[in-house]
Protein backbone atom coordinates (compact mmCIF):
# COMPACT_ATOMS: atom_id res chain seq x y z
CA UNK A 1 102.95 39.28 129.61
CA UNK A 2 101.15 40.78 126.63
CA UNK A 3 100.15 44.43 126.79
CA UNK A 4 96.44 44.56 127.54
CA UNK A 5 94.09 46.77 125.56
CA UNK A 6 93.24 48.67 128.76
CA UNK A 7 96.89 49.52 129.41
CA UNK A 8 97.42 50.55 125.80
CA UNK A 9 94.38 52.83 125.90
CA UNK A 10 95.53 54.28 129.21
CA UNK A 11 98.95 55.08 127.71
CA UNK A 12 97.36 56.71 124.68
CA UNK A 13 94.96 58.74 126.86
CA UNK A 14 97.78 59.97 129.08
CA UNK A 15 99.94 60.94 126.12
CA UNK A 16 97.08 62.77 124.44
CA UNK A 17 96.40 64.74 127.62
CA UNK A 18 100.04 65.78 127.72
CA UNK A 19 100.11 66.65 124.01
CA UNK A 20 97.04 68.86 124.50
CA UNK A 21 98.92 70.99 127.04
CA UNK A 22 96.59 73.53 128.59
CA UNK A 23 93.74 72.42 126.35
CA UNK A 24 92.47 72.88 122.81
CA UNK A 25 90.77 76.19 123.64
CA UNK A 26 93.99 77.80 124.87
CA UNK A 27 95.96 76.53 121.90
CA UNK A 28 93.33 77.81 119.46
CA UNK A 29 93.43 81.19 121.20
CA UNK A 30 97.18 81.36 120.62
CA UNK A 31 96.79 80.42 116.98
CA UNK A 32 94.20 83.21 116.61
CA UNK A 33 96.88 85.68 117.77
CA UNK A 34 99.40 84.30 115.27
CA UNK A 35 101.30 82.43 117.99
CA UNK A 36 102.55 78.86 117.91
CA UNK A 37 102.13 76.53 120.87
CA UNK A 38 105.22 75.09 122.56
CA UNK A 39 104.86 71.82 120.64
CA UNK A 40 104.24 73.70 117.38
CA UNK A 41 107.61 75.42 117.86
CA UNK A 42 109.40 72.16 118.57
CA UNK A 43 107.81 70.49 115.53
CA UNK A 44 108.75 73.42 113.28
CA UNK A 45 112.37 73.45 114.49
CA UNK A 46 113.20 69.77 114.09
CA UNK A 47 113.18 67.46 111.12
CA UNK A 48 109.99 65.44 111.12
CA UNK A 49 110.07 62.34 113.30
CA UNK A 50 113.44 63.06 114.92
CA UNK A 51 112.35 64.71 118.20
CA UNK A 52 112.56 62.55 121.33
CA UNK A 53 111.07 64.06 124.45
CA UNK A 54 112.51 63.90 127.96
CA UNK A 55 110.37 64.04 131.10
CA UNK A 56 107.11 63.76 129.20
CA UNK A 57 105.19 62.57 132.29
CA UNK A 58 106.80 65.00 134.74
CA UNK A 59 104.65 66.15 137.66
CA UNK A 60 105.03 69.45 139.47
CA UNK A 61 106.56 69.53 142.92
CA UNK A 62 104.30 68.25 145.73
CA UNK A 63 105.37 71.18 147.89
CA UNK A 64 103.32 73.84 146.14
CA UNK A 65 100.89 76.22 147.83
CA UNK A 66 97.32 75.43 146.73
CA UNK A 67 98.38 73.16 143.82
CA UNK A 68 98.46 69.69 145.38
CA UNK A 69 95.71 68.28 143.15
CA UNK A 70 96.36 70.36 140.03
CA UNK A 71 97.54 68.60 136.88
CA UNK A 72 100.19 70.44 134.83
CA UNK A 73 100.90 68.47 131.63
CA UNK A 74 104.68 68.01 131.22
CA UNK A 75 104.93 70.61 134.02
CA UNK A 76 104.70 73.37 131.46
CA UNK A 77 107.86 72.72 129.45
CA UNK A 78 108.70 70.48 126.50
CA UNK A 79 112.30 69.19 126.53
CA UNK A 80 114.18 66.86 124.19
CA UNK A 81 116.57 66.31 121.31
CA UNK A 82 116.26 66.00 117.56
CA UNK A 83 117.90 66.87 114.27
CA UNK A 84 118.08 70.25 112.53
CA UNK A 85 119.62 70.15 109.08
CA UNK A 86 120.95 66.69 109.85
CA UNK A 87 122.70 67.81 113.04
CA UNK A 88 121.76 66.97 116.63
CA UNK A 89 120.24 69.77 118.74
CA UNK A 90 118.87 69.88 122.30
CA UNK A 91 115.88 72.15 122.82
CA UNK A 92 113.19 73.15 125.27
CA UNK A 93 109.99 75.17 124.86
CA UNK A 94 108.07 76.68 127.74
CA UNK A 95 104.31 76.10 127.39
CA UNK A 96 102.31 79.22 128.19
CA UNK A 97 99.05 77.26 128.02
CA UNK A 98 100.10 75.34 131.17
CA UNK A 99 100.22 77.57 134.27
CA UNK A 100 101.43 80.42 132.02
CA UNK A 101 104.70 78.52 131.45
CA UNK A 102 105.80 79.43 134.97
CA UNK A 103 108.98 77.87 136.30
CA UNK A 104 108.87 75.62 139.33
CA UNK A 105 111.18 72.98 140.77
CA UNK A 106 110.32 70.15 138.36
CA UNK A 107 110.05 72.51 135.39
CA UNK A 108 113.59 73.73 136.10
CA UNK A 109 114.89 70.17 136.58
CA UNK A 110 113.64 69.29 133.10
CA UNK A 111 115.41 72.28 131.57
CA UNK A 112 118.62 71.43 133.44
CA UNK A 113 118.37 67.83 132.18
CA UNK A 114 118.14 69.14 128.62
CA UNK A 115 121.18 71.36 129.13
CA UNK A 116 123.15 68.49 130.68
CA UNK A 117 122.24 66.31 127.71
CA UNK A 118 123.57 69.00 125.37
CA UNK A 119 126.99 68.85 127.05
CA UNK A 120 127.12 65.05 127.06
CA UNK A 121 126.05 64.82 123.42
CA UNK A 122 128.03 67.86 122.25
CA UNK A 123 124.91 69.48 120.80
CA UNK A 124 123.78 73.12 120.50
CA UNK A 125 120.90 74.37 122.66
CA UNK A 126 117.76 76.16 121.45
CA UNK A 127 115.47 77.61 124.14
CA UNK A 128 111.97 78.96 123.46
CA UNK A 129 111.19 81.43 126.25
CA UNK A 130 107.47 81.98 126.87
CA UNK A 131 106.80 82.16 130.59
CA UNK A 132 105.02 84.15 133.26
CA UNK A 133 108.13 83.87 135.45
CA UNK A 134 108.67 82.11 138.76
CA UNK A 135 105.84 79.89 140.00
CA UNK A 136 104.82 81.80 143.13
CA UNK A 137 103.09 78.76 144.62
CA UNK A 138 106.45 76.96 144.88
CA UNK A 139 108.22 79.75 146.72
CA UNK A 140 111.98 79.43 147.10
CA UNK A 141 111.95 76.16 145.13
CA UNK A 142 111.23 78.25 142.01
CA UNK A 143 114.10 80.63 142.79
CA UNK A 144 116.40 77.67 143.32
CA UNK A 145 115.28 76.33 139.96
CA UNK A 146 116.30 79.55 138.22
CA UNK A 147 119.68 79.42 139.92
CA UNK A 148 120.30 75.90 138.64
CA UNK A 149 119.36 76.91 135.10
CA UNK A 150 121.70 79.94 135.23
CA UNK A 151 124.53 77.76 136.55
CA UNK A 152 124.10 75.34 133.64
CA UNK A 153 124.02 78.22 131.14
CA UNK A 154 127.42 79.32 132.43
CA UNK A 155 128.82 75.77 132.38
CA UNK A 156 127.73 75.40 128.76
CA UNK A 157 129.18 78.77 127.73
CA UNK A 158 131.99 78.21 125.25
CA UNK A 159 131.25 74.47 125.15
CA UNK A 160 128.12 74.33 122.96
CA UNK A 161 126.31 77.21 121.21
CA UNK A 162 123.23 78.44 123.09
CA UNK A 163 120.39 80.22 121.30
CA UNK A 164 117.39 81.78 123.05
CA UNK A 165 114.14 82.65 121.30
CA UNK A 166 111.97 85.17 123.17
CA UNK A 167 108.49 84.49 121.81
CA UNK A 168 106.36 85.52 124.79
CA UNK A 169 106.88 87.15 128.18
CA UNK A 170 110.33 86.79 129.76
CA UNK A 171 110.23 88.82 132.95
CA UNK A 172 112.26 89.37 136.09
CA UNK A 173 114.93 86.80 136.88
CA UNK A 174 113.87 84.74 133.85
CA UNK A 175 115.53 87.34 131.61
CA UNK A 176 118.98 86.41 132.88
CA UNK A 177 118.99 82.97 131.26
CA UNK A 178 118.84 84.32 127.67
CA UNK A 179 121.33 87.01 128.67
CA UNK A 180 123.76 84.23 129.60
CA UNK A 181 123.32 82.52 126.22
CA UNK A 182 125.18 83.29 122.99
CA UNK A 183 122.39 84.65 120.78
CA UNK A 184 118.95 86.06 121.51
CA UNK A 185 116.20 86.13 118.88
CA UNK A 186 113.00 88.02 119.71
CA UNK A 187 109.68 88.30 117.91
CA UNK A 188 108.42 91.84 117.24
CA UNK A 189 104.94 91.23 118.65
CA UNK A 190 103.58 89.21 121.58
CA UNK A 191 107.01 89.13 123.26
CA UNK A 192 108.50 91.18 126.09
CA UNK A 193 111.70 90.95 128.12
CA UNK A 194 112.38 93.06 131.20
CA UNK A 195 113.52 93.00 134.81
CA UNK A 196 110.94 95.51 136.08
CA UNK A 197 107.83 96.30 134.04
CA UNK A 198 105.95 99.58 133.57
CA UNK A 199 103.84 99.13 136.72
CA UNK A 200 106.85 98.62 138.99
CA UNK A 201 108.75 101.48 137.39
CA UNK A 202 105.79 103.83 137.94
CA UNK A 203 105.33 102.69 141.55
CA UNK A 204 109.00 103.17 142.40
CA UNK A 205 109.96 106.20 140.31
CA UNK A 206 106.64 107.80 139.42
CA UNK A 207 107.54 107.71 135.73
CA UNK A 208 105.01 106.40 133.20
CA UNK A 209 106.53 104.21 130.49
CA UNK A 210 105.15 101.74 127.98
CA UNK A 211 106.02 98.07 127.64
CA UNK A 212 107.63 98.78 124.26
CA UNK A 213 109.95 101.29 125.93
CA UNK A 214 111.23 98.90 128.59
CA UNK A 215 110.74 95.43 127.12
CA UNK A 216 109.92 95.59 123.43
CA UNK A 217 111.85 93.77 120.73
CA UNK A 218 112.78 96.89 118.76
CA UNK A 219 114.14 98.58 121.89
CA UNK A 220 116.26 95.58 122.83
CA UNK A 221 117.55 95.22 119.26
CA UNK A 222 118.53 98.86 118.81
CA UNK A 223 119.03 100.44 122.24
CA UNK A 224 119.92 97.92 124.97
CA UNK A 225 121.66 95.49 122.62
CA UNK A 226 120.17 92.49 124.44
CA UNK A 227 118.65 91.09 121.24
CA UNK A 228 120.80 89.94 118.30
CA UNK A 229 118.05 89.14 115.77
CA UNK A 230 114.54 90.54 115.25
CA UNK A 231 111.91 88.11 113.97
CA UNK A 232 108.52 88.98 112.54
CA UNK A 233 106.82 85.98 114.15
CA UNK A 234 107.47 82.48 115.50
CA UNK A 235 108.02 80.94 112.06
CA UNK A 236 110.53 83.65 111.13
CA UNK A 237 112.35 83.16 114.45
CA UNK A 238 112.71 79.45 113.76
CA UNK A 239 114.06 80.16 110.26
CA UNK A 240 116.69 82.44 111.82
CA UNK A 241 117.63 79.68 114.31
CA UNK A 242 118.06 77.17 111.50
CA UNK A 243 120.11 79.59 109.42
CA UNK A 244 122.32 80.50 112.38
CA UNK A 245 122.95 76.85 113.23
CA UNK A 246 124.10 76.27 109.63
CA UNK A 247 127.22 78.37 110.37
CA UNK A 248 128.05 76.99 113.81
CA UNK A 249 129.90 73.86 114.96
CA UNK A 250 127.99 71.52 117.25
CA UNK A 251 130.49 72.15 120.05
CA UNK A 252 133.90 73.61 120.83
CA UNK A 253 135.80 70.46 119.83
CA UNK A 254 134.58 70.57 116.24
CA UNK A 255 135.27 72.82 113.28
CA UNK A 256 132.44 74.88 111.80
CA UNK A 257 130.50 73.26 108.92
CA UNK A 258 132.90 74.39 106.18
CA UNK A 259 132.00 73.51 102.60
CA UNK A 260 135.36 74.00 100.91
CA UNK A 261 135.50 74.21 97.15
CA UNK A 262 137.94 71.77 95.57
CA UNK A 263 139.98 74.63 94.07
CA UNK A 264 140.11 78.22 95.32
CA UNK A 265 138.67 80.58 92.71
CA UNK A 266 141.41 83.14 92.06
CA UNK A 267 139.47 85.24 89.55
CA UNK A 268 139.33 89.01 89.97
CA UNK A 269 136.28 91.05 90.94
CA UNK A 270 136.63 94.40 89.17
CA UNK A 271 133.41 95.56 90.81
CA UNK A 272 135.25 95.85 94.12
CA UNK A 273 137.29 98.76 92.73
CA UNK A 274 134.11 100.66 91.86
CA UNK A 275 132.95 100.61 95.50
CA UNK A 276 135.71 103.05 96.52
CA UNK A 277 134.44 106.67 96.38
CA UNK A 278 136.52 109.12 94.35
CA UNK A 279 136.45 111.50 97.32
CA UNK A 280 138.40 109.97 100.27
CA UNK A 281 136.24 111.95 102.71
CA UNK A 282 133.03 110.38 101.38
CA UNK A 283 131.50 107.50 103.33
CA UNK A 284 131.60 104.00 101.87
CA UNK A 285 128.98 101.34 102.66
CA UNK A 286 130.87 98.39 104.15
CA UNK A 287 127.93 96.04 103.50
CA UNK A 288 128.58 96.38 99.76
CA UNK A 289 132.12 95.09 100.38
CA UNK A 290 130.93 92.21 102.56
CA UNK A 291 128.35 91.12 99.99
CA UNK A 292 131.04 90.83 97.32
CA UNK A 293 133.30 88.83 99.63
CA UNK A 294 130.91 86.14 100.84
CA UNK A 295 129.67 83.24 98.75
CA UNK A 296 126.50 84.12 96.88
CA UNK A 297 126.25 87.40 98.80
CA UNK A 298 124.79 85.43 101.74
CA UNK A 299 125.65 87.17 104.99
CA UNK A 300 123.89 86.57 108.31
CA UNK A 301 124.33 89.87 110.11
CA UNK A 302 124.26 89.81 113.91
CA UNK A 303 123.08 92.81 115.96
CA UNK A 304 122.11 94.64 112.76
CA UNK A 305 120.16 97.39 114.55
CA UNK A 306 122.59 97.93 117.43
CA UNK A 307 125.82 99.96 117.22
CA UNK A 308 125.40 100.32 113.48
CA UNK A 309 128.84 101.92 113.12
CA UNK A 310 130.26 98.40 113.11
CA UNK A 311 129.07 95.29 111.27
CA UNK A 312 129.44 91.72 112.53
CA UNK A 313 128.07 88.46 111.20
CA UNK A 314 128.63 85.08 109.53
CA UNK A 315 129.29 84.06 105.96
CA UNK A 316 131.33 81.69 103.83
CA UNK A 317 134.26 82.55 101.59
CA UNK A 318 134.97 79.80 99.09
CA UNK A 319 133.10 77.48 101.44
CA UNK A 320 135.00 78.41 104.61
CA UNK A 321 132.80 79.67 107.45
CA UNK A 322 134.00 83.04 108.74
CA UNK A 323 133.00 85.64 111.28
CA UNK A 324 133.26 89.10 109.74
CA UNK A 325 133.88 92.33 111.65
CA UNK A 326 133.88 95.57 109.69
CA UNK A 327 133.68 99.28 110.40
CA UNK A 328 130.66 100.98 108.81
CA UNK A 329 131.77 104.42 107.54
CA UNK A 330 128.15 105.22 106.59
CA UNK A 331 127.34 105.54 110.32
CA UNK A 332 129.34 107.91 112.55
CA UNK A 333 132.12 107.70 109.96
CA UNK A 334 132.81 104.20 111.26
CA UNK A 335 134.30 105.53 114.51
CA UNK A 336 134.39 103.10 117.42
CA UNK A 337 132.27 103.95 120.45
CA UNK A 338 131.32 102.07 123.62
CA UNK A 339 128.51 100.02 122.06
CA UNK A 340 130.51 99.18 118.92
CA UNK A 341 133.39 98.01 121.10
CA UNK A 342 131.12 95.75 123.18
CA UNK A 343 129.36 94.38 120.12
CA UNK A 344 132.51 93.45 118.25
CA UNK A 345 134.42 92.15 121.29
CA UNK A 346 131.66 89.71 122.24
CA UNK A 347 131.33 88.50 118.65
CA UNK A 348 135.08 87.96 118.37
CA UNK A 349 135.09 85.96 121.61
CA UNK A 350 132.23 83.78 120.40
CA UNK A 351 134.04 83.02 117.14
CA UNK A 352 137.22 82.16 119.01
CA UNK A 353 135.36 79.84 121.40
CA UNK A 354 133.88 77.91 118.48
CA UNK A 355 136.83 77.79 116.08
CA UNK A 356 135.41 80.24 113.53
CA UNK A 357 138.07 82.18 111.55
CA UNK A 358 137.86 85.96 111.71
CA UNK A 359 137.99 88.41 108.80
CA UNK A 360 138.32 92.07 109.83
CA UNK A 361 137.60 94.91 107.38
CA UNK A 362 139.07 98.25 108.46
CA UNK A 363 137.97 101.78 107.63
CA UNK A 364 138.12 103.57 110.96
CA UNK A 365 139.01 107.20 111.82
CA UNK A 366 139.47 106.49 115.53
CA UNK A 367 137.51 106.18 118.75
CA UNK A 368 134.51 108.51 118.92
CA UNK A 369 135.46 111.70 120.79
CA UNK A 370 133.15 113.28 123.37
CA UNK A 371 132.58 113.76 127.08
CA UNK A 372 129.79 111.17 127.10
CA UNK A 373 132.15 108.54 125.72
CA UNK A 374 134.95 109.39 128.14
CA UNK A 375 132.66 109.49 131.18
CA UNK A 376 130.93 106.32 130.00
CA UNK A 377 134.23 104.41 130.04
CA UNK A 378 135.35 104.29 126.41
CA UNK A 379 138.81 103.29 127.64
CA UNK A 380 137.39 100.22 129.35
CA UNK A 381 135.07 99.39 126.45
CA UNK A 382 137.77 99.85 123.81
CA UNK A 383 140.09 97.64 125.84
CA UNK A 384 137.56 94.82 125.41
CA UNK A 385 138.29 94.81 121.68
CA UNK A 386 142.02 94.67 122.26
CA UNK A 387 141.55 91.85 124.77
CA UNK A 388 139.18 89.89 122.53
CA UNK A 389 141.41 89.98 119.47
CA UNK A 390 144.67 89.44 121.33
CA UNK A 391 143.30 86.41 123.16
CA UNK A 392 141.85 84.80 120.01
CA UNK A 393 143.79 81.91 118.52
CA UNK A 394 141.63 81.23 115.46
CA UNK A 395 142.87 82.29 112.01
CA UNK A 396 142.70 86.08 111.77
CA UNK A 397 142.86 87.97 108.48
CA UNK A 398 142.67 91.76 108.33
CA UNK A 399 142.14 94.00 105.30
CA UNK A 400 142.69 97.76 105.64
CA UNK A 401 140.54 99.45 103.03
CA UNK A 402 140.99 103.13 103.80
CA UNK A 403 141.50 104.86 107.18
CA UNK A 404 143.21 103.15 110.13
CA UNK A 405 144.18 105.78 112.65
CA UNK A 406 145.58 105.65 116.16
CA UNK A 407 144.40 103.13 118.72
CA UNK A 408 141.54 102.07 116.50
CA UNK A 409 144.10 100.68 114.02
CA UNK A 410 145.23 98.30 116.77
CA UNK A 411 141.70 97.59 118.03
CA UNK A 412 140.70 96.37 114.55
CA UNK A 413 143.14 93.45 114.71
CA UNK A 414 146.45 94.74 113.42
CA UNK A 415 149.49 92.50 113.09
CA UNK A 416 150.53 93.45 116.61
CA UNK A 417 147.23 92.10 117.97
CA UNK A 418 147.84 88.69 116.42
CA UNK A 419 146.54 88.94 112.86
CA UNK A 420 148.01 86.14 110.74
CA UNK A 421 147.69 88.11 107.49
CA UNK A 422 147.21 91.87 107.08
CA UNK A 423 146.44 93.18 103.61
CA UNK A 424 145.86 96.78 102.54
CA UNK A 425 144.30 98.46 99.55
CA UNK A 426 146.35 101.22 97.85
CA UNK A 427 143.77 103.65 99.28
CA UNK A 428 144.71 102.73 102.87
CA UNK A 429 146.02 105.36 105.26
CA UNK A 430 147.71 104.04 108.41
CA UNK A 431 148.90 106.62 110.90
CA UNK A 432 148.58 107.99 114.40
CA UNK A 433 145.95 110.42 113.08
CA UNK A 434 144.64 111.99 109.88
CA UNK A 435 147.05 114.03 107.79
CA UNK A 436 145.39 117.41 108.43
CA UNK A 437 145.41 116.90 112.21
CA UNK A 438 148.99 115.74 112.17
CA UNK A 439 150.10 118.82 110.24
CA UNK A 440 148.33 121.15 112.68
CA UNK A 441 150.04 119.51 115.64
CA UNK A 442 153.45 119.25 114.01
CA UNK A 443 153.40 122.93 113.08
CA UNK A 444 151.66 123.93 116.31
CA UNK A 445 149.11 126.22 114.64
CA UNK A 446 145.72 126.24 112.94
CA UNK A 447 146.55 126.89 109.31
CA UNK A 448 143.56 128.60 107.71
CA UNK A 449 143.25 129.46 104.04
CA UNK A 450 143.58 133.19 104.81
CA UNK A 451 146.81 132.56 106.71
CA UNK A 452 148.11 130.21 104.08
CA UNK A 453 147.77 131.78 100.62
CA UNK A 454 150.20 129.33 99.06
CA UNK A 455 148.34 126.27 100.39
CA UNK A 456 151.26 125.08 102.48
CA UNK A 457 148.99 123.15 104.88
CA UNK A 458 147.37 121.21 102.05
CA UNK A 459 150.77 120.41 100.55
CA UNK A 460 152.15 119.25 103.89
CA UNK A 461 149.06 117.10 104.47
CA UNK A 462 149.42 115.53 101.03
CA UNK A 463 153.10 114.82 101.67
CA UNK A 464 152.29 113.30 105.07
CA UNK A 465 149.56 111.15 103.52
CA UNK A 466 151.67 109.90 100.63
CA UNK A 467 154.79 109.27 102.73
CA UNK A 468 154.15 108.44 106.40
CA UNK A 469 150.53 107.23 106.11
CA UNK A 470 151.09 105.25 102.92
CA UNK A 471 150.33 101.50 103.01
CA UNK A 472 153.65 100.99 101.23
CA UNK A 473 155.48 102.58 104.17
CA UNK A 474 153.75 100.14 106.55
CA UNK A 475 154.42 97.24 104.22
CA UNK A 476 158.07 98.26 103.98
CA UNK A 477 158.26 98.29 107.78
CA UNK A 478 156.84 94.78 107.93
CA UNK A 479 153.43 95.68 109.41
CA UNK A 480 151.49 94.75 106.27
CA UNK A 481 151.66 91.37 104.54
CA UNK A 482 150.94 92.90 101.13
CA UNK A 483 149.28 95.82 99.37
CA UNK A 484 146.67 94.39 97.03
CA UNK A 485 144.37 95.43 94.20
CA UNK A 486 140.80 95.57 95.62
CA UNK A 487 139.77 93.27 92.77
CA UNK A 488 141.71 90.36 94.31
CA UNK A 489 140.45 90.86 97.86
CA UNK A 490 138.10 87.88 97.85
CA UNK A 491 140.60 85.49 96.28
CA UNK A 492 143.41 86.69 98.55
CA UNK A 493 141.29 86.15 101.67
CA UNK A 494 140.05 82.77 100.41
CA UNK A 495 143.55 81.46 99.77
CA UNK A 496 144.83 82.80 103.09
CA UNK A 497 141.93 81.19 104.94
CA UNK A 498 142.57 77.85 103.30
CA UNK A 499 146.18 77.95 104.45
CA UNK A 500 145.39 79.22 107.94
CA UNK A 501 142.84 76.50 108.82
CA UNK A 502 145.69 74.30 110.04
CA UNK A 503 146.86 77.04 112.43
CA UNK A 504 147.85 75.93 115.94
CA UNK A 505 148.61 78.48 118.63
CA UNK A 506 149.12 77.82 122.33
CA UNK A 507 149.04 80.26 125.24
CA UNK A 508 150.48 80.20 128.78
CA UNK A 509 148.47 77.97 131.16
CA UNK A 510 145.90 79.92 133.21
CA UNK A 511 142.31 79.64 134.39
CA UNK A 512 141.23 82.58 132.22
CA UNK A 513 142.20 86.13 131.48
CA UNK A 514 140.54 89.08 133.22
CA UNK A 515 138.72 90.93 130.43
CA UNK A 516 138.00 94.59 131.31
CA UNK A 517 134.23 94.31 131.86
């Protein structure tokens, strides 16, 4: 039977109603604020013409207080699959123009269907979060919906990459879904993420706070650590998503999108030598090292504003995708604290889950001393780094640039923690502690200049540094693969990576280890 004109027009009318979401006026109002609509975000993410929607004609649950006759186009969420940079991605975008993007039973079922499709297809997930929270009219059905979404987030963890974009409100229980995902991107304005807002905090505690203090993007990026990337607006957030996806495999059974050069460039980079300060006590900017290591200086830093004493992020070295972890001596002398430990451990575990080789750059004086750190559980937090590196089976290459003292030497992926190659610059010092501290302890006294007119303490410290802390001593003991000229760091890492990509390492059968959370 031929399709009648009436049926065709009915289909077109229904589709247009759905495409209009909450209506042209609401969409125009969002545009006036510099915000994209849900469908704008989907269109900007995917290659043109590749998005296929799921559940387009979904209707909200019949069991909803006072909403029996209310139409909610697509039930307030756009779900489907398409291509980003030629690679399949599953995505959903909550539509704030439809019932404030609130989550109800059918809304949640659509999201779950999109997550299930991601597992079946082996595709990454991108989630645009812009919602007023649970749909009160649906009662416990809405809470059940959140539970099902959380459960799927956990099932997908370590199977496909999950990226959340907070581009509107994300309040209460809704905030736990992005927290269960791998990366969170948040726009600086028009977005908020919190469990309890300013009004609730004031009612319960009597304290007056602002939304920026409890749920703002800058706070989450620099203080709570919940946000990995700050975006200026929706368009910038989508560019970050696309750039991030360019470094990640589609799923845990695939290798990252390496772009290996046909021949490893073994030329020297004399500029790397110039980075080292003449004074060994002077801070060195680790970003300047990273930029010389990665192809074209392109480095996607993760958690840039959080725990700035350590740097983590993605790059390519001679075409090989790598996750880079490096101490930042320019901040807190590069010492490891609780936040730095958490930041690096989680990044290492992500890289291991998705077959991304790890390059670790070491210039660390130790774990940060202080009563706040001890009472805050620095032992437990530092143990996360040890656990993360030791349990990782991806290729691991470590370069010790300068200081590597005490437990922090181990925490930064030493040979004993499973590093496949460990290289050191001639400026490296590897010891239980710094030379001056070691001399004071060994001689059981504080040697001051007035008590030491012949400079015995300085001489002893120099002897300790040149003998026991020397990288050649460690290399002679078999702890270091080689001591290298800084100028060949990039080529040495590149060649080692190329060889290590075929690495296979198996562990004892178990459900999972018990990381010290």
